[in-house]
Amino acid sequence: MQISEAESVVMEVLWSDSPRSSEDVIAELARDHDWQVSTIKTLLGRLVKKGAVRAEKDGRRFSYSPVLTREAWVHGQSGSLLKRVFDGRLAPLVAHFTEKHKLSRKDIEEVKRLLEELDDGQ
């Protein structure tokens, strides 16, 4: 499922707490983004149409809940990035980040731990 960057911001709001009314989503996004109410409603409508979000009638308003889980979205995004940019290989991705971005000591230790766990499991 393709979710745009703007749509992912709306999804983050719904993943953090749902179900939520459009008014709740608008209020939360208005604090951090300079988006019009109509833009947010359009994004919600697109997400419903894509099947990423469910809209349920609640009196005179709608209540929105995510159908797409954050874990499923992250999995799809990371797999797509690996295929598009790194030919499906993880090592070039790690190499890119170690060369182009400064990894913290904590990040390096975590990568080492993950590799050791993988090595122990095989």
N, C-alpha and C. Protein backbone atom coordinates (compact mmCIF):
# COMPACT_ATOMS: atom_id res chain seq x y z
N MET A 1 0.84 -1.18 0.00
CA MET A 1 0.00 0.00 0.00
C MET A 1 0.89 1.25 0.00
N GLN A 2 0.66 2.11 -0.93
CA GLN A 2 1.44 3.34 -1.03
C GLN A 2 0.81 4.43 -0.15
N ILE A 3 1.58 4.91 0.78
CA ILE A 3 1.16 5.99 1.68
C ILE A 3 2.13 7.15 1.47
N SER A 4 1.59 8.31 1.12
CA SER A 4 2.46 9.48 0.91
C SER A 4 3.03 9.96 2.23
N GLU A 5 4.00 10.85 2.13
CA GLU A 5 4.62 11.39 3.35
C GLU A 5 3.58 12.12 4.21
N ALA A 6 2.74 12.93 3.57
CA ALA A 6 1.71 13.65 4.31
C ALA A 6 0.71 12.68 4.94
N GLU A 7 0.33 11.65 4.20
CA GLU A 7 -0.60 10.65 4.73
C GLU A 7 0.03 9.92 5.92
N SER A 8 1.33 9.69 5.87
CA SER A 8 1.99 8.99 6.98
C SER A 8 1.95 9.83 8.25
N VAL A 9 1.95 11.15 8.12
CA VAL A 9 1.84 12.02 9.29
C VAL A 9 0.46 11.83 9.94
N VAL A 10 -0.58 11.75 9.12
CA VAL A 10 -1.93 11.50 9.64
C VAL A 10 -1.99 10.12 10.29
N MET A 11 -1.36 9.14 9.64
CA MET A 11 -1.35 7.78 10.19
C MET A 11 -0.67 7.77 11.56
N GLU A 12 0.43 8.49 11.72
CA GLU A 12 1.12 8.54 13.02
C GLU A 12 0.18 9.03 14.12
N VAL A 13 -0.65 10.01 13.80
CA VAL A 13 -1.62 10.52 14.77
C VAL A 13 -2.60 9.40 15.15
N LEU A 14 -3.08 8.67 14.16
CA LEU A 14 -4.04 7.60 14.42
C LEU A 14 -3.38 6.41 15.12
N TRP A 15 -2.14 6.12 14.76
CA TRP A 15 -1.42 5.03 15.43
C TRP A 15 -1.18 5.36 16.91
N SER A 16 -1.00 6.62 17.22
CA SER A 16 -0.71 6.99 18.60
C SER A 16 -1.93 6.87 19.51
N ASP A 17 -3.12 7.07 18.93
CA ASP A 17 -4.35 6.98 19.74
C ASP A 17 -5.54 6.96 18.80
N SER A 18 -6.35 5.93 18.91
CA SER A 18 -7.54 5.86 18.07
C SER A 18 -8.56 4.96 18.74
N PRO A 19 -9.80 5.05 18.36
CA PRO A 19 -10.34 5.88 17.27
C PRO A 19 -10.34 7.36 17.65
N ARG A 20 -10.32 8.18 16.61
CA ARG A 20 -10.32 9.63 16.80
C ARG A 20 -11.26 10.28 15.80
N SER A 21 -11.88 11.35 16.24
CA SER A 21 -12.73 12.12 15.33
C SER A 21 -11.85 12.96 14.42
N SER A 22 -12.42 13.42 13.32
CA SER A 22 -11.64 14.29 12.42
C SER A 22 -11.23 15.56 13.16
N GLU A 23 -12.09 16.04 14.07
CA GLU A 23 -11.75 17.23 14.84
C GLU A 23 -10.51 17.00 15.71
N ASP A 24 -10.42 15.81 16.30
CA ASP A 24 -9.24 15.47 17.11
C ASP A 24 -7.98 15.42 16.25
N VAL A 25 -8.10 14.79 15.09
CA VAL A 25 -6.95 14.68 14.18
C VAL A 25 -6.53 16.07 13.72
N ILE A 26 -7.50 16.89 13.35
CA ILE A 26 -7.21 18.26 12.90
C ILE A 26 -6.53 19.06 14.01
N ALA A 27 -7.05 18.96 15.22
CA ALA A 27 -6.47 19.71 16.35
C ALA A 27 -5.02 19.30 16.59
N GLU A 28 -4.75 18.01 16.54
CA GLU A 28 -3.38 17.55 16.80
C GLU A 28 -2.44 18.00 15.68
N LEU A 29 -2.88 17.86 14.44
CA LEU A 29 -2.01 18.23 13.32
C LEU A 29 -1.83 19.74 13.21
N ALA A 30 -2.81 20.51 13.64
CA ALA A 30 -2.72 21.97 13.58
C ALA A 30 -1.61 22.50 14.48
N ARG A 31 -1.29 21.75 15.53
CA ARG A 31 -0.21 22.19 16.44
C ARG A 31 1.15 22.14 15.78
N ASP A 32 1.36 21.15 14.91
CA ASP A 32 2.70 20.93 14.36
C ASP A 32 2.84 21.24 12.87
N HIS A 33 1.73 21.41 12.18
CA HIS A 33 1.78 21.60 10.73
C HIS A 33 0.90 22.77 10.33
N ASP A 34 1.29 23.41 9.26
CA ASP A 34 0.53 24.54 8.75
C ASP A 34 -0.40 24.05 7.64
N TRP A 35 -1.28 23.11 7.98
CA TRP A 35 -2.20 22.54 7.00
C TRP A 35 -3.60 23.08 7.22
N GLN A 36 -4.29 23.27 6.11
CA GLN A 36 -5.69 23.68 6.16
C GLN A 36 -6.55 22.50 6.60
N VAL A 37 -7.71 22.80 7.16
CA VAL A 37 -8.65 21.76 7.58
C VAL A 37 -9.03 20.90 6.38
N SER A 38 -9.25 21.53 5.23
CA SER A 38 -9.64 20.77 4.03
C SER A 38 -8.54 19.80 3.60
N THR A 39 -7.29 20.17 3.79
CA THR A 39 -6.16 19.29 3.45
C THR A 39 -6.19 18.05 4.33
N ILE A 40 -6.40 18.23 5.61
CA ILE A 40 -6.42 17.10 6.54
C ILE A 40 -7.60 16.18 6.23
N LYS A 41 -8.76 16.77 5.94
CA LYS A 41 -9.92 15.95 5.60
C LYS A 41 -9.69 15.19 4.29
N THR A 42 -9.01 15.82 3.35
CA THR A 42 -8.68 15.14 2.09
C THR A 42 -7.75 13.97 2.35
N LEU A 43 -6.74 14.18 3.20
CA LEU A 43 -5.80 13.10 3.54
C LEU A 43 -6.53 11.95 4.23
N LEU A 44 -7.43 12.25 5.15
CA LEU A 44 -8.21 11.21 5.80
C LEU A 44 -9.05 10.44 4.77
N GLY A 45 -9.67 11.18 3.86
CA GLY A 45 -10.48 10.54 2.82
C GLY A 45 -9.66 9.62 1.93
N ARG A 46 -8.47 10.06 1.56
CA ARG A 46 -7.58 9.22 0.74
C ARG A 46 -7.20 7.94 1.48
N LEU A 47 -6.89 8.08 2.76
CA LEU A 47 -6.49 6.92 3.56
C LEU A 47 -7.64 5.93 3.71
N VAL A 48 -8.86 6.44 3.83
CA VAL A 48 -10.04 5.56 3.89
C VAL A 48 -10.20 4.84 2.56
N LYS A 49 -10.08 5.59 1.46
CA LYS A 49 -10.23 5.01 0.12
C LYS A 49 -9.18 3.92 -0.15
N LYS A 50 -7.98 4.12 0.35
CA LYS A 50 -6.90 3.14 0.17
C LYS A 50 -7.07 1.92 1.07
N GLY A 51 -7.92 2.04 2.09
CA GLY A 51 -8.11 0.94 3.01
C GLY A 51 -7.14 0.95 4.18
N ALA A 52 -6.39 2.03 4.34
CA ALA A 52 -5.44 2.14 5.45
C ALA A 52 -6.13 2.57 6.73
N VAL A 53 -7.28 3.22 6.58
CA VAL A 53 -8.04 3.76 7.71
C VAL A 53 -9.51 3.39 7.55
N ARG A 54 -10.15 3.13 8.67
CA ARG A 54 -11.59 2.84 8.69
C ARG A 54 -12.30 4.06 9.28
N ALA A 55 -13.39 4.46 8.63
CA ALA A 55 -14.23 5.55 9.12
C ALA A 55 -15.57 4.97 9.54
N GLU A 56 -15.94 5.20 10.79
CA GLU A 56 -17.21 4.70 11.30
C GLU A 56 -18.07 5.89 11.72
N LYS A 57 -19.32 5.85 11.32
CA LYS A 57 -20.26 6.92 11.66
C LYS A 57 -20.50 6.89 13.16
N ASP A 58 -20.34 8.04 13.79
CA ASP A 58 -20.54 8.19 15.23
C ASP A 58 -21.45 9.40 15.44
N GLY A 59 -22.74 9.18 15.35
CA GLY A 59 -23.68 10.30 15.41
C GLY A 59 -23.59 11.11 14.14
N ARG A 60 -23.28 12.39 14.27
CA ARG A 60 -23.17 13.27 13.10
C ARG A 60 -21.74 13.37 12.57
N ARG A 61 -20.82 12.69 13.23
CA ARG A 61 -19.42 12.77 12.79
C ARG A 61 -18.87 11.37 12.57
N PHE A 62 -17.65 11.33 12.06
CA PHE A 62 -16.98 10.06 11.82
C PHE A 62 -15.86 9.85 12.83
N SER A 63 -15.62 8.60 13.12
CA SER A 63 -14.53 8.19 13.99
C SER A 63 -13.54 7.40 13.12
N TYR A 64 -12.26 7.74 13.20
CA TYR A 64 -11.24 7.14 12.34
C TYR A 64 -10.30 6.24 13.14
N SER A 65 -10.02 5.07 12.57
CA SER A 65 -9.10 4.11 13.17
C SER A 65 -8.20 3.54 12.09
N PRO A 66 -6.93 3.26 12.42
CA PRO A 66 -6.05 2.66 11.41
C PRO A 66 -6.40 1.19 11.18
N VAL A 67 -6.39 0.79 9.93
CA VAL A 67 -6.51 -0.62 9.55
C VAL A 67 -5.09 -1.15 9.31
N LEU A 68 -4.31 -0.34 8.63
CA LEU A 68 -2.90 -0.66 8.39
C LEU A 68 -2.12 -0.44 9.68
N THR A 69 -1.42 -1.46 10.13
CA THR A 69 -0.61 -1.30 11.34
C THR A 69 0.69 -0.58 11.02
N ARG A 70 1.25 0.06 12.01
CA ARG A 70 2.53 0.75 11.82
C ARG A 70 3.61 -0.26 11.45
N GLU A 71 3.58 -1.43 12.08
CA GLU A 71 4.57 -2.46 11.81
C GLU A 71 4.52 -2.92 10.35
N ALA A 72 3.30 -3.12 9.83
CA ALA A 72 3.15 -3.54 8.43
C ALA A 72 3.63 -2.44 7.49
N TRP A 73 3.34 -1.20 7.83
CA TRP A 73 3.78 -0.08 6.98
C TRP A 73 5.31 0.04 6.98
N VAL A 74 5.91 -0.04 8.16
CA VAL A 74 7.38 0.04 8.26
C VAL A 74 8.01 -1.11 7.47
N HIS A 75 7.45 -2.30 7.61
CA HIS A 75 7.98 -3.46 6.88
C HIS A 75 7.94 -3.21 5.37
N GLY A 76 6.83 -2.73 4.89
CA GLY A 76 6.70 -2.44 3.45
C GLY A 76 7.64 -1.35 2.99
N GLN A 77 7.76 -0.29 3.79
CA GLN A 77 8.63 0.83 3.42
C GLN A 77 10.09 0.41 3.40
N SER A 78 10.51 -0.35 4.41
CA SER A 78 11.91 -0.75 4.48
C SER A 78 12.24 -1.73 3.35
N GLY A 79 11.32 -2.65 3.06
CA GLY A 79 11.55 -3.58 1.95
C GLY A 79 11.63 -2.86 0.62
N SER A 80 10.76 -1.88 0.43
CA SER A 80 10.76 -1.09 -0.80
C SER A 80 12.05 -0.30 -0.95
N LEU A 81 12.51 0.31 0.13
CA LEU A 81 13.77 1.06 0.10
C LEU A 81 14.94 0.15 -0.26
N LEU A 82 15.00 -1.01 0.37
CA LEU A 82 16.09 -1.96 0.08
C LEU A 82 16.08 -2.36 -1.40
N LYS A 83 14.91 -2.67 -1.95
CA LYS A 83 14.82 -3.08 -3.35
C LYS A 83 15.20 -1.95 -4.29
N ARG A 84 14.62 -0.77 -4.07
CA ARG A 84 14.83 0.36 -4.98
C ARG A 84 16.25 0.89 -4.96
N VAL A 85 16.81 1.04 -3.77
CA VAL A 85 18.06 1.77 -3.63
C VAL A 85 19.28 0.87 -3.46
N PHE A 86 19.09 -0.29 -2.83
CA PHE A 86 20.24 -1.12 -2.49
C PHE A 86 20.16 -2.52 -3.09
N ASP A 87 19.40 -2.66 -4.17
CA ASP A 87 19.31 -3.93 -4.88
C ASP A 87 18.88 -5.09 -3.96
N GLY A 88 18.07 -4.77 -2.96
CA GLY A 88 17.56 -5.78 -2.06
C GLY A 88 18.55 -6.27 -1.01
N ARG A 89 19.70 -5.63 -0.93
CA ARG A 89 20.75 -6.09 -0.01
C ARG A 89 20.88 -5.16 1.19
N LEU A 90 21.02 -5.76 2.35
CA LEU A 90 21.12 -5.00 3.59
C LEU A 90 22.52 -4.43 3.83
N ALA A 91 23.55 -5.17 3.49
CA ALA A 91 24.93 -4.72 3.76
C ALA A 91 25.24 -3.36 3.12
N PRO A 92 24.85 -3.11 1.85
CA PRO A 92 25.12 -1.78 1.29
C PRO A 92 24.37 -0.66 2.02
N LEU A 93 23.19 -0.97 2.55
CA LEU A 93 22.45 0.02 3.33
C LEU A 93 23.23 0.38 4.59
N VAL A 94 23.68 -0.62 5.31
CA VAL A 94 24.45 -0.38 6.53
C VAL A 94 25.74 0.37 6.19
N ALA A 95 26.41 -0.05 5.11
CA ALA A 95 27.65 0.62 4.69
C ALA A 95 27.38 2.09 4.38
N HIS A 96 26.27 2.37 3.70
CA HIS A 96 25.92 3.76 3.37
C HIS A 96 25.78 4.59 4.64
N PHE A 97 25.05 4.07 5.63
CA PHE A 97 24.84 4.83 6.85
C PHE A 97 26.11 4.98 7.66
N THR A 98 26.98 4.00 7.62
CA THR A 98 28.23 4.15 8.38
C THR A 98 29.17 5.13 7.71
N GLU A 99 29.11 5.23 6.38
CA GLU A 99 29.99 6.14 5.65
C GLU A 99 29.45 7.57 5.60
N LYS A 100 28.15 7.72 5.38
CA LYS A 100 27.57 9.04 5.13
C LYS A 100 26.94 9.70 6.34
N HIS A 101 26.60 8.93 7.34
CA HIS A 101 25.95 9.47 8.54
C HIS A 101 26.74 9.03 9.75
N LYS A 102 26.92 9.93 10.65
CA LYS A 102 27.68 9.61 11.85
C LYS A 102 26.81 8.75 12.76
N LEU A 103 27.24 7.53 12.99
CA LEU A 103 26.53 6.65 13.90
C LEU A 103 27.01 6.90 15.32
N SER A 104 26.06 6.93 16.24
CA SER A 104 26.44 7.12 17.64
C SER A 104 27.04 5.82 18.17
N ARG A 105 27.73 5.92 19.27
CA ARG A 105 28.29 4.73 19.93
C ARG A 105 27.17 3.76 20.24
N LYS A 106 26.02 4.27 20.68
CA LYS A 106 24.87 3.43 21.00
C LYS A 106 24.38 2.68 19.75
N ASP A 107 24.30 3.37 18.61
CA ASP A 107 23.89 2.72 17.36
C ASP A 107 24.86 1.60 16.97
N ILE A 108 26.14 1.88 17.09
CA ILE A 108 27.16 0.88 16.73
C ILE A 108 27.03 -0.34 17.62
N GLU A 109 26.86 -0.12 18.91
CA GLU A 109 26.71 -1.24 19.84
C GLU A 109 25.45 -2.05 19.53
N GLU A 110 24.39 -1.36 19.17
CA GLU A 110 23.15 -2.06 18.85
C GLU A 110 23.28 -2.90 17.58
N VAL A 111 23.95 -2.36 16.57
CA VAL A 111 24.19 -3.12 15.33
C VAL A 111 25.05 -4.35 15.63
N LYS A 112 26.08 -4.18 16.44
CA LYS A 112 26.92 -5.32 16.83
C LYS A 112 26.10 -6.39 17.54
N ARG A 113 25.25 -5.96 18.47
CA ARG A 113 24.41 -6.90 19.21
C ARG A 113 23.47 -7.65 18.27
N LEU A 114 22.86 -6.93 17.35
CA LEU A 114 21.95 -7.57 16.39
C LEU A 114 22.69 -8.59 15.52
N LEU A 115 23.88 -8.24 15.08
CA LEU A 115 24.67 -9.17 14.25
C LEU A 115 25.07 -10.40 15.04
N GLU A 116 25.43 -10.21 16.30
CA GLU A 116 25.77 -11.36 17.15
C GLU A 116 24.56 -12.28 17.35
N GLU A 117 23.38 -11.67 17.54
CA GLU A 117 22.16 -12.47 17.70
C GLU A 117 21.87 -13.26 16.43
N LEU A 118 22.07 -12.61 15.28
CA LEU A 118 21.85 -13.30 14.00
C LEU A 118 22.84 -14.44 13.84
N ASP A 119 24.08 -14.19 14.19
CA ASP A 119 25.13 -15.20 14.06
C ASP A 119 24.85 -16.38 15.00
N ASP A 120 24.42 -16.10 16.22
CA ASP A 120 24.11 -17.15 17.18
C ASP A 120 22.90 -17.98 16.75
N GLY A 121 21.97 -17.35 16.05
CA GLY A 121 20.75 -18.04 15.62
C GLY A 121 20.94 -18.93 14.40
N GLN A 122 22.08 -18.80 13.74
CA GLN A 122 22.29 -19.60 12.51
C GLN A 122 23.27 -20.70 12.70
